[in-house]
Amino acid sequence: MKKITGIAITAWLLALSHALPVSASGDMCTVSMDQWQPRETLQAELEAKGWRIKKIESDDGCYEVYAITENGKRVEAYFNPKTFDLVKSKED
């Protein structure tokens, strides 16, 4: 019985460790709404860097941006709404 319990705990910890990165953007974007900068300001900053913005929405307390980067790559990027720091991104 002890071996089964140990295996169950190990499996649970392994599953938990894989679930944590999914919520990473929420952990990084814990800014109250009154401190958020306007999304238009973020869009202007990104466009000044050469990004073509398709859509900006809110997700897990972050700004979620769908865009084409200055290098022509499609990207889904998450930004802190107070500082506009990049929290995470993935390119297609």
PDB file of N, CA and C in Angstrom:
ATOM      1  N   MET A   1       0.815  -1.199   0.000  1.00  0.00           N
ATOM      2  CA  MET A   1       0.000   0.000   0.000  1.00  0.00           C
ATOM      3  C   MET A   1       0.859   1.264   0.000  1.00  0.00           C
ATOM      4  N   LYS A   2       1.990   1.238   0.722  1.00  0.00           N
ATOM      5  CA  LYS A   2       2.858   2.404   0.762  1.00  0.00           C
ATOM      6  C   LYS A   2       3.408   2.727  -0.616  1.00  0.00           C
ATOM      7  N   LYS A   3       3.720   1.679  -1.402  1.00  0.00           N
ATOM      8  CA  LYS A   3       4.269   1.906  -2.738  1.00  0.00           C
ATOM      9  C   LYS A   3       3.232   2.583  -3.635  1.00  0.00           C
ATOM     10  N   ILE A   4       1.983   2.170  -3.561  1.00  0.00           N
ATOM     11  CA  ILE A   4       0.931   2.773  -4.368  1.00  0.00           C
ATOM     12  C   ILE A   4       0.731   4.228  -3.959  1.00  0.00           C
ATOM     13  N   THR A   5       0.754   4.496  -2.675  1.00  0.00           N
ATOM     14  CA  THR A   5       0.591   5.868  -2.201  1.00  0.00           C
ATOM     15  C   THR A   5       1.745   6.736  -2.702  1.00  0.00           C
ATOM     16  N   GLY A   6       2.967   6.233  -2.635  1.00  0.00           N
ATOM     17  CA  GLY A   6       4.128   6.973  -3.121  1.00  0.00           C
ATOM     18  C   GLY A   6       4.025   7.265  -4.602  1.00  0.00           C
ATOM     19  N   ILE A   7       3.550   6.292  -5.375  1.00  0.00           N
ATOM     20  CA  ILE A   7       3.375   6.480  -6.811  1.00  0.00           C
ATOM     21  C   ILE A   7       2.291   7.524  -7.071  1.00  0.00           C
ATOM     22  N   ALA A   8       1.210   7.465  -6.317  1.00  0.00           N
ATOM     23  CA  ALA A   8       0.120   8.421  -6.491  1.00  0.00           C
ATOM     24  C   ALA A   8       0.594   9.842  -6.175  1.00  0.00           C
ATOM     25  N   ILE A   9       1.366   9.995  -5.109  1.00  0.00           N
ATOM     26  CA  ILE A   9       1.872  11.318  -4.741  1.00  0.00           C
ATOM     27  C   ILE A   9       2.839  11.832  -5.810  1.00  0.00           C
ATOM     28  N   THR A  10       3.700  10.964  -6.299  1.00  0.00           N
ATOM     29  CA  THR A  10       4.643  11.354  -7.347  1.00  0.00           C
ATOM     30  C   THR A  10       3.898  11.786  -8.605  1.00  0.00           C
ATOM     31  N   ALA A  11       2.879  11.026  -8.985  1.00  0.00           N
ATOM     32  CA  ALA A  11       2.082  11.370 -10.165  1.00  0.00           C
ATOM     33  C   ALA A  11       1.369  12.701  -9.967  1.00  0.00           C
ATOM     34  N   TRP A  12       0.847  12.933  -8.775  1.00  0.00           N
ATOM     35  CA  TRP A  12       0.158  14.188  -8.480  1.00  0.00           C
ATOM     36  C   TRP A  12       1.128  15.367  -8.560  1.00  0.00           C
ATOM     37  N   LEU A  13       2.320  15.219  -7.984  1.00  0.00           N
ATOM     38  CA  LEU A  13       3.319  16.294  -8.032  1.00  0.00           C
ATOM     39  C   LEU A  13       3.774  16.570  -9.459  1.00  0.00           C
ATOM     40  N   LEU A  14       3.934  15.519 -10.244  1.00  0.00           N
ATOM     41  CA  LEU A  14       4.318  15.687 -11.638  1.00  0.00           C
ATOM     42  C   LEU A  14       3.235  16.430 -12.408  1.00  0.00           C
ATOM     43  N   ALA A  15       1.987  16.073 -12.193  1.00  0.00           N
ATOM     44  CA  ALA A  15       0.879  16.760 -12.859  1.00  0.00           C
ATOM     45  C   ALA A  15       0.805  18.214 -12.422  1.00  0.00           C
ATOM     46  N   LEU A  16       1.020  18.469 -11.158  1.00  0.00           N
ATOM     47  CA  LEU A  16       0.992  19.841 -10.646  1.00  0.00           C
ATOM     48  C   LEU A  16       2.111  20.677 -11.247  1.00  0.00           C
ATOM     49  N   SER A  17       3.291  20.103 -11.389  1.00  0.00           N
ATOM     50  CA  SER A  17       4.413  20.856 -11.942  1.00  0.00           C
ATOM     51  C   SER A  17       4.170  21.234 -13.394  1.00  0.00           C
ATOM     52  N   HIS A  18       3.429  20.406 -14.132  1.00  0.00           N
ATOM     53  CA  HIS A  18       3.110  20.733 -15.526  1.00  0.00           C
ATOM     54  C   HIS A  18       1.994  21.756 -15.610  1.00  0.00           C
ATOM     55  N   ALA A  19       1.163  21.861 -14.605  1.00  0.00           N
ATOM     56  CA  ALA A  19       0.055  22.813 -14.624  1.00  0.00           C
ATOM     57  C   ALA A  19       0.514  24.218 -14.272  1.00  0.00           C
ATOM     58  N   LEU A  20       1.582  24.366 -13.533  1.00  0.00           N
ATOM     59  CA  LEU A  20       2.019  25.682 -13.079  1.00  0.00           C
ATOM     60  C   LEU A  20       2.384  26.642 -14.202  1.00  0.00           C
ATOM     61  N   PRO A  21       3.120  26.242 -15.231  1.00  0.00           N
ATOM     62  CA  PRO A  21       3.460  27.210 -16.277  1.00  0.00           C
ATOM     63  C   PRO A  21       2.252  27.789 -17.004  1.00  0.00           C
ATOM     64  N   VAL A  22       1.153  27.065 -17.031  1.00  0.00           N
ATOM     65  CA  VAL A  22      -0.041  27.548 -17.700  1.00  0.00           C
ATOM     66  C   VAL A  22      -0.553  28.812 -17.031  1.00  0.00           C
ATOM     67  N   SER A  23      -0.423  28.914 -15.712  1.00  0.00           N
ATOM     68  CA  SER A  23      -0.932  30.076 -15.004  1.00  0.00           C
ATOM     69  C   SER A  23       0.141  31.136 -14.787  1.00  0.00           C
ATOM     70  N   ALA A  24       1.263  31.010 -15.447  1.00  0.00           N
ATOM     71  CA  ALA A  24       2.356  31.950 -15.230  1.00  0.00           C
ATOM     72  C   ALA A  24       1.971  33.374 -15.576  1.00  0.00           C
ATOM     73  N   SER A  25       1.183  33.562 -16.629  1.00  0.00           N
ATOM     74  CA  SER A  25       0.809  34.925 -16.982  1.00  0.00           C
ATOM     75  C   SER A  25      -0.058  35.547 -15.902  1.00  0.00           C
ATOM     76  N   GLY A  26      -0.947  34.769 -15.296  1.00  0.00           N
ATOM     77  CA  GLY A  26      -1.784  35.284 -14.221  1.00  0.00           C
ATOM     78  C   GLY A  26      -0.970  35.685 -13.015  1.00  0.00           C
ATOM     79  N   ASP A  27       0.084  34.931 -12.718  1.00  0.00           N
ATOM     80  CA  ASP A  27       0.934  35.258 -11.585  1.00  0.00           C
ATOM     81  C   ASP A  27       1.716  36.538 -11.837  1.00  0.00           C
ATOM     82  N   MET A  28       2.043  36.833 -13.077  1.00  0.00           N
ATOM     83  CA  MET A  28       2.851  37.999 -13.416  1.00  0.00           C
ATOM     84  C   MET A  28       2.002  39.256 -13.564  1.00  0.00           C
ATOM     85  N   CYS A  29       0.730  39.109 -13.809  1.00  0.00           N
ATOM     86  CA  CYS A  29      -0.137  40.260 -14.081  1.00  0.00           C
ATOM     87  C   CYS A  29      -1.178  40.410 -12.981  1.00  0.00           C
ATOM     88  N   THR A  30      -0.729  40.762 -11.823  1.00  0.00           N
ATOM     89  CA  THR A  30      -1.638  40.935 -10.692  1.00  0.00           C
ATOM     90  C   THR A  30      -1.752  42.414 -10.350  1.00  0.00           C
ATOM     91  N   VAL A  31      -2.109  43.199 -11.341  1.00  0.00           N
ATOM     92  CA  VAL A  31      -2.210  44.648 -11.205  1.00  0.00           C
ATOM     93  C   VAL A  31      -3.685  45.014 -11.108  1.00  0.00           C
ATOM     94  N   SER A  32      -4.037  45.874 -10.169  1.00  0.00           N
ATOM     95  CA  SER A  32      -5.430  46.291 -10.069  1.00  0.00           C
ATOM     96  C   SER A  32      -5.792  47.138 -11.290  1.00  0.00           C
ATOM     97  N   MET A  33      -7.045  47.052 -11.690  1.00  0.00           N
ATOM     98  CA  MET A  33      -7.513  47.690 -12.927  1.00  0.00           C
ATOM     99  C   MET A  33      -7.247  49.201 -12.950  1.00  0.00           C
ATOM    100  N   ASP A  34      -7.253  49.846 -11.798  1.00  0.00           N
ATOM    101  CA  ASP A  34      -7.034  51.295 -11.784  1.00  0.00           C
ATOM    102  C   ASP A  34      -5.595  51.670 -12.140  1.00  0.00           C
ATOM    103  N   GLN A  35      -4.691  50.679 -12.195  1.00  0.00           N
ATOM    104  CA  GLN A  35      -3.294  50.929 -12.542  1.00  0.00           C
ATOM    105  C   GLN A  35      -2.976  50.557 -13.993  1.00  0.00           C
ATOM    106  N   TRP A  36      -3.954  50.013 -14.705  1.00  0.00           N
ATOM    107  CA  TRP A  36      -3.727  49.606 -16.087  1.00  0.00           C
ATOM    108  C   TRP A  36      -3.563  50.837 -16.972  1.00  0.00           C
ATOM    109  N   GLN A  37      -2.611  50.763 -17.878  1.00  0.00           N
ATOM    110  CA  GLN A  37      -2.476  51.779 -18.920  1.00  0.00           C
ATOM    111  C   GLN A  37      -3.442  51.413 -20.057  1.00  0.00           C
ATOM    112  N   PRO A  38      -3.853  52.381 -20.844  1.00  0.00           N
ATOM    113  CA  PRO A  38      -4.768  52.081 -21.953  1.00  0.00           C
ATOM    114  C   PRO A  38      -4.132  51.154 -22.989  1.00  0.00           C
ATOM    115  N   ARG A  39      -4.950  50.266 -23.536  1.00  0.00           N
ATOM    116  CA  ARG A  39      -4.441  49.340 -24.555  1.00  0.00           C
ATOM    117  C   ARG A  39      -3.979  50.084 -25.797  1.00  0.00           C
ATOM    118  N   GLU A  40      -4.544  51.263 -26.053  1.00  0.00           N
ATOM    119  CA  GLU A  40      -4.108  52.064 -27.200  1.00  0.00           C
ATOM    120  C   GLU A  40      -2.644  52.504 -27.048  1.00  0.00           C
ATOM    121  N   THR A  41      -2.232  52.731 -25.801  1.00  0.00           N
ATOM    122  CA  THR A  41      -0.839  53.106 -25.552  1.00  0.00           C
ATOM    123  C   THR A  41       0.086  51.942 -25.851  1.00  0.00           C
ATOM    124  N   LEU A  42      -0.312  50.738 -25.434  1.00  0.00           N
ATOM    125  CA  LEU A  42       0.476  49.534 -25.747  1.00  0.00           C
ATOM    126  C   LEU A  42       0.539  49.343 -27.263  1.00  0.00           C
ATOM    127  N   GLN A  43      -0.589  49.489 -27.922  1.00  0.00           N
ATOM    128  CA  GLN A  43      -0.614  49.319 -29.373  1.00  0.00           C
ATOM    129  C   GLN A  43       0.329  50.316 -30.043  1.00  0.00           C
ATOM    130  N   ALA A  44       0.312  51.565 -29.608  1.00  0.00           N
ATOM    131  CA  ALA A  44       1.183  52.578 -30.204  1.00  0.00           C
ATOM    132  C   ALA A  44       2.656  52.228 -29.986  1.00  0.00           C
ATOM    133  N   GLU A  45       3.000  51.751 -28.799  1.00  0.00           N
ATOM    134  CA  GLU A  45       4.392  51.372 -28.514  1.00  0.00           C
ATOM    135  C   GLU A  45       4.840  50.217 -29.404  1.00  0.00           C
ATOM    136  N   LEU A  46       3.974  49.212 -29.555  1.00  0.00           N
ATOM    137  CA  LEU A  46       4.337  48.046 -30.370  1.00  0.00           C
ATOM    138  C   LEU A  46       4.417  48.420 -31.847  1.00  0.00           C
ATOM    139  N   GLU A  47       3.498  49.248 -32.302  1.00  0.00           N
ATOM    140  CA  GLU A  47       3.538  49.682 -33.704  1.00  0.00           C
ATOM    141  C   GLU A  47       4.787  50.516 -33.983  1.00  0.00           C
ATOM    142  N   ALA A  48       5.240  51.283 -32.998  1.00  0.00           N
ATOM    143  CA  ALA A  48       6.476  52.059 -33.165  1.00  0.00           C
ATOM    144  C   ALA A  48       7.688  51.144 -33.326  1.00  0.00           C
ATOM    145  N   LYS A  49       7.584  49.908 -32.811  1.00  0.00           N
ATOM    146  CA  LYS A  49       8.660  48.922 -32.956  1.00  0.00           C
ATOM    147  C   LYS A  49       8.519  48.128 -34.254  1.00  0.00           C
ATOM    148  N   GLY A  50       7.453  48.407 -35.019  1.00  0.00           N
ATOM    149  CA  GLY A  50       7.266  47.714 -36.284  1.00  0.00           C
ATOM    150  C   GLY A  50       6.265  46.578 -36.252  1.00  0.00           C
ATOM    151  N   TRP A  51       5.571  46.386 -35.131  1.00  0.00           N
ATOM    152  CA  TRP A  51       4.559  45.332 -35.048  1.00  0.00           C
ATOM    153  C   TRP A  51       3.294  45.774 -35.761  1.00  0.00           C
ATOM    154  N   ARG A  52       2.598  44.817 -36.393  1.00  0.00           N
ATOM    155  CA  ARG A  52       1.260  45.047 -36.937  1.00  0.00           C
ATOM    156  C   ARG A  52       0.276  44.330 -36.026  1.00  0.00           C
ATOM    157  N   ILE A  53      -0.549  45.085 -35.339  1.00  0.00           N
ATOM    158  CA  ILE A  53      -1.458  44.537 -34.332  1.00  0.00           C
ATOM    159  C   ILE A  53      -2.738  44.049 -34.992  1.00  0.00           C
ATOM    160  N   LYS A  54      -3.096  42.799 -34.678  1.00  0.00           N
ATOM    161  CA  LYS A  54      -4.363  42.252 -35.155  1.00  0.00           C
ATOM    162  C   LYS A  54      -5.457  42.448 -34.109  1.00  0.00           C
ATOM    163  N   LYS A  55      -5.099  42.162 -32.825  1.00  0.00           N
ATOM    164  CA  LYS A  55      -6.102  42.237 -31.766  1.00  0.00           C
ATOM    165  C   LYS A  55      -5.393  42.344 -30.420  1.00  0.00           C
ATOM    166  N   ILE A  56      -5.984  43.120 -29.510  1.00  0.00           N
ATOM    167  CA  ILE A  56      -5.522  43.179 -28.122  1.00  0.00           C
ATOM    168  C   ILE A  56      -6.738  42.929 -27.240  1.00  0.00           C
ATOM    169  N   GLU A  57      -6.598  41.968 -26.341  1.00  0.00           N
ATOM    170  CA  GLU A  57      -7.670  41.682 -25.385  1.00  0.00           C
ATOM    171  C   GLU A  57      -7.060  41.412 -24.018  1.00  0.00           C
ATOM    172  N   SER A  58      -7.895  41.262 -23.020  1.00  0.00           N
ATOM    173  CA  SER A  58      -7.439  40.976 -21.666  1.00  0.00           C
ATOM    174  C   SER A  58      -7.580  39.485 -21.388  1.00  0.00           C
ATOM    175  N   ASP A  59      -6.560  38.904 -20.750  1.00  0.00           N
ATOM    176  CA  ASP A  59      -6.592  37.487 -20.396  1.00  0.00           C
ATOM    177  C   ASP A  59      -5.731  37.270 -19.167  1.00  0.00           C
ATOM    178  N   ASP A  60      -6.278  36.670 -18.135  1.00  0.00           N
ATOM    179  CA  ASP A  60      -5.554  36.367 -16.898  1.00  0.00           C
ATOM    180  C   ASP A  60      -4.868  37.598 -16.312  1.00  0.00           C
ATOM    181  N   GLY A  61      -5.506  38.757 -16.436  1.00  0.00           N
ATOM    182  CA  GLY A  61      -4.937  39.969 -15.871  1.00  0.00           C
ATOM    183  C   GLY A  61      -3.865  40.623 -16.718  1.00  0.00           C
ATOM    184  N   CYS A  62      -3.597  40.071 -17.896  1.00  0.00           N
ATOM    185  CA  CYS A  62      -2.595  40.619 -18.808  1.00  0.00           C
ATOM    186  C   CYS A  62      -3.280  41.127 -20.072  1.00  0.00           C
ATOM    187  N   TYR A  63      -2.553  41.943 -20.820  1.00  0.00           N
ATOM    188  CA  TYR A  63      -2.975  42.243 -22.183  1.00  0.00           C
ATOM    189  C   TYR A  63      -2.449  41.126 -23.070  1.00  0.00           C
ATOM    190  N   GLU A  64      -3.350  40.530 -23.839  1.00  0.00           N
ATOM    191  CA  GLU A  64      -2.987  39.472 -24.778  1.00  0.00           C
ATOM    192  C   GLU A  64      -3.008  40.092 -26.172  1.00  0.00           C
ATOM    193  N   VAL A  65      -1.869  40.050 -26.849  1.00  0.00           N
ATOM    194  CA  VAL A  65      -1.725  40.714 -28.146  1.00  0.00           C
ATOM    195  C   VAL A  65      -1.495  39.664 -29.225  1.00  0.00           C
ATOM    196  N   TYR A  66      -2.289  39.757 -30.282  1.00  0.00           N
ATOM    197  CA  TYR A  66      -2.082  38.949 -31.483  1.00  0.00           C
ATOM    198  C   TYR A  66      -1.550  39.909 -32.539  1.00  0.00           C
ATOM    199  N   ALA A  67      -0.379  39.588 -33.072  1.00  0.00           N
ATOM    200  CA  ALA A  67       0.267  40.542 -33.969  1.00  0.00           C
ATOM    201  C   ALA A  67       1.246  39.851 -34.904  1.00  0.00           C
ATOM    202  N   ILE A  68       1.771  40.650 -35.819  1.00  0.00           N
ATOM    203  CA  ILE A  68       2.886  40.269 -36.680  1.00  0.00           C
ATOM    204  C   ILE A  68       4.060  41.116 -36.209  1.00  0.00           C
ATOM    205  N   THR A  69       5.171  40.489 -35.858  1.00  0.00           N
ATOM    206  CA  THR A  69       6.321  41.227 -35.343  1.00  0.00           C
ATOM    207  C   THR A  69       7.041  41.957 -36.468  1.00  0.00           C
ATOM    208  N   GLU A  70       8.019  42.762 -36.077  1.00  0.00           N
ATOM    209  CA  GLU A  70       8.820  43.494 -37.056  1.00  0.00           C
ATOM    210  C   GLU A  70       9.586  42.544 -37.981  1.00  0.00           C
ATOM    211  N   ASN A  71       9.747  41.279 -37.556  1.00  0.00           N
ATOM    212  CA  ASN A  71      10.436  40.263 -38.361  1.00  0.00           C
ATOM    213  C   ASN A  71       9.470  39.457 -39.234  1.00  0.00           C
ATOM    214  N   GLY A  72       8.171  39.828 -39.199  1.00  0.00           N
ATOM    215  CA  GLY A  72       7.178  39.140 -40.016  1.00  0.00           C
ATOM    216  C   GLY A  72       6.642  37.855 -39.416  1.00  0.00           C
ATOM    217  N   LYS A  73       6.889  37.613 -38.139  1.00  0.00           N
ATOM    218  CA  LYS A  73       6.396  36.389 -37.488  1.00  0.00           C
ATOM    219  C   LYS A  73       5.107  36.678 -36.735  1.00  0.00           C
ATOM    220  N   ARG A  74       4.164  35.732 -36.852  1.00  0.00           N
ATOM    221  CA  ARG A  74       2.935  35.852 -36.071  1.00  0.00           C
ATOM    222  C   ARG A  74       3.250  35.524 -34.621  1.00  0.00           C
ATOM    223  N   VAL A  75       2.668  36.300 -33.709  1.00  0.00           N
ATOM    224  CA  VAL A  75       2.970  36.117 -32.303  1.00  0.00           C
ATOM    225  C   VAL A  75       1.710  36.316 -31.460  1.00  0.00           C
ATOM    226  N   GLU A  76       1.644  35.552 -30.383  1.00  0.00           N
ATOM    227  CA  GLU A  76       0.661  35.759 -29.329  1.00  0.00           C
ATOM    228  C   GLU A  76       1.490  36.133 -28.105  1.00  0.00           C
ATOM    229  N   ALA A  77       1.350  37.353 -27.632  1.00  0.00           N
ATOM    230  CA  ALA A  77       2.203  37.849 -26.557  1.00  0.00           C
ATOM    231  C   ALA A  77       1.361  38.408 -25.420  1.00  0.00           C
ATOM    232  N   TYR A  78       1.847  38.207 -24.204  1.00  0.00           N
ATOM    233  CA  TYR A  78       1.172  38.695 -23.010  1.00  0.00           C
ATOM    234  C   TYR A  78       2.027  39.776 -22.361  1.00  0.00           C
ATOM    235  N   PHE A  79       1.388  40.914 -22.039  1.00  0.00           N
ATOM    236  CA  PHE A  79       2.088  42.049 -21.464  1.00  0.00           C
ATOM    237  C   PHE A  79       1.456  42.447 -20.135  1.00  0.00           C
ATOM    238  N   ASN A  80       2.298  42.859 -19.185  1.00  0.00           N
ATOM    239  CA  ASN A  80       1.827  43.414 -17.933  1.00  0.00           C
ATOM    240  C   ASN A  80       1.114  44.725 -18.260  1.00  0.00           C
ATOM    241  N   PRO A  81      -0.130  44.912 -17.816  1.00  0.00           N
ATOM    242  CA  PRO A  81      -0.889  46.096 -18.210  1.00  0.00           C
ATOM    243  C   PRO A  81      -0.428  47.398 -17.549  1.00  0.00           C
ATOM    244  N   LYS A  82       0.373  47.317 -16.513  1.00  0.00           N
ATOM    245  CA  LYS A  82       0.884  48.520 -15.846  1.00  0.00           C
ATOM    246  C   LYS A  82       2.213  48.965 -16.462  1.00  0.00           C
ATOM    247  N   THR A  83       3.108  48.009 -16.695  1.00  0.00           N
ATOM    248  CA  THR A  83       4.475  48.317 -17.134  1.00  0.00           C
ATOM    249  C   THR A  83       4.712  48.035 -18.619  1.00  0.00           C
ATOM    250  N   PHE A  84       3.823  47.270 -19.231  1.00  0.00           N
ATOM    251  CA  PHE A  84       3.971  46.785 -20.603  1.00  0.00           C
ATOM    252  C   PHE A  84       5.172  45.863 -20.761  1.00  0.00           C
ATOM    253  N   ASP A  85       5.666  45.297 -19.652  1.00  0.00           N
ATOM    254  CA  ASP A  85       6.719  44.284 -19.739  1.00  0.00           C
ATOM    255  C   ASP A  85       6.141  43.036 -20.382  1.00  0.00           C
ATOM    256  N   LEU A  86       6.917  42.404 -21.248  1.00  0.00           N
ATOM    257  CA  LEU A  86       6.505  41.153 -21.879  1.00  0.00           C
ATOM    258  C   LEU A  86       6.534  40.057 -20.827  1.00  0.00           C
ATOM    259  N   VAL A  87       5.416  39.375 -20.653  1.00  0.00           N
ATOM    260  CA  VAL A  87       5.317  38.296 -19.670  1.00  0.00           C
ATOM    261  C   VAL A  87       5.654  36.960 -20.307  1.00  0.00           C
ATOM    262  N   LYS A  88       5.061  36.696 -21.459  1.00  0.00           N
ATOM    263  CA  LYS A  88       5.370  35.485 -22.221  1.00  0.00           C
ATOM    264  C   LYS A  88       4.871  35.674 -23.634  1.00  0.00           C
ATOM    265  N   SER A  89       5.413  34.869 -24.531  1.00  0.00           N
ATOM    266  CA  SER A  89       4.970  34.934 -25.920  1.00  0.00           C
ATOM    267  C   SER A  89       5.233  33.605 -26.603  1.00  0.00           C
ATOM    268  N   LYS A  90       4.505  33.419 -27.683  1.00  0.00           N
ATOM    269  CA  LYS A  90       4.759  32.249 -28.537  1.00  0.00           C
ATOM    270  C   LYS A  90       4.553  32.662 -29.974  1.00  0.00           C
ATOM    271  N   GLU A  91       5.468  32.234 -30.808  1.00  0.00           N
ATOM    272  CA  GLU A  91       5.409  32.550 -32.232  1.00  0.00           C
ATOM    273  C   GLU A  91       4.913  31.355 -32.991  1.00  0.00           C
ATOM    274  N   ASP A  92       4.221  31.624 -34.092  1.00  0.00           N
ATOM    275  CA  ASP A  92       3.782  30.551 -34.979  1.00  0.00           C
ATOM    276  C   ASP A  92       4.860  30.229 -35.965  1.00  0.00           C
TER     277      ASP A  92
END
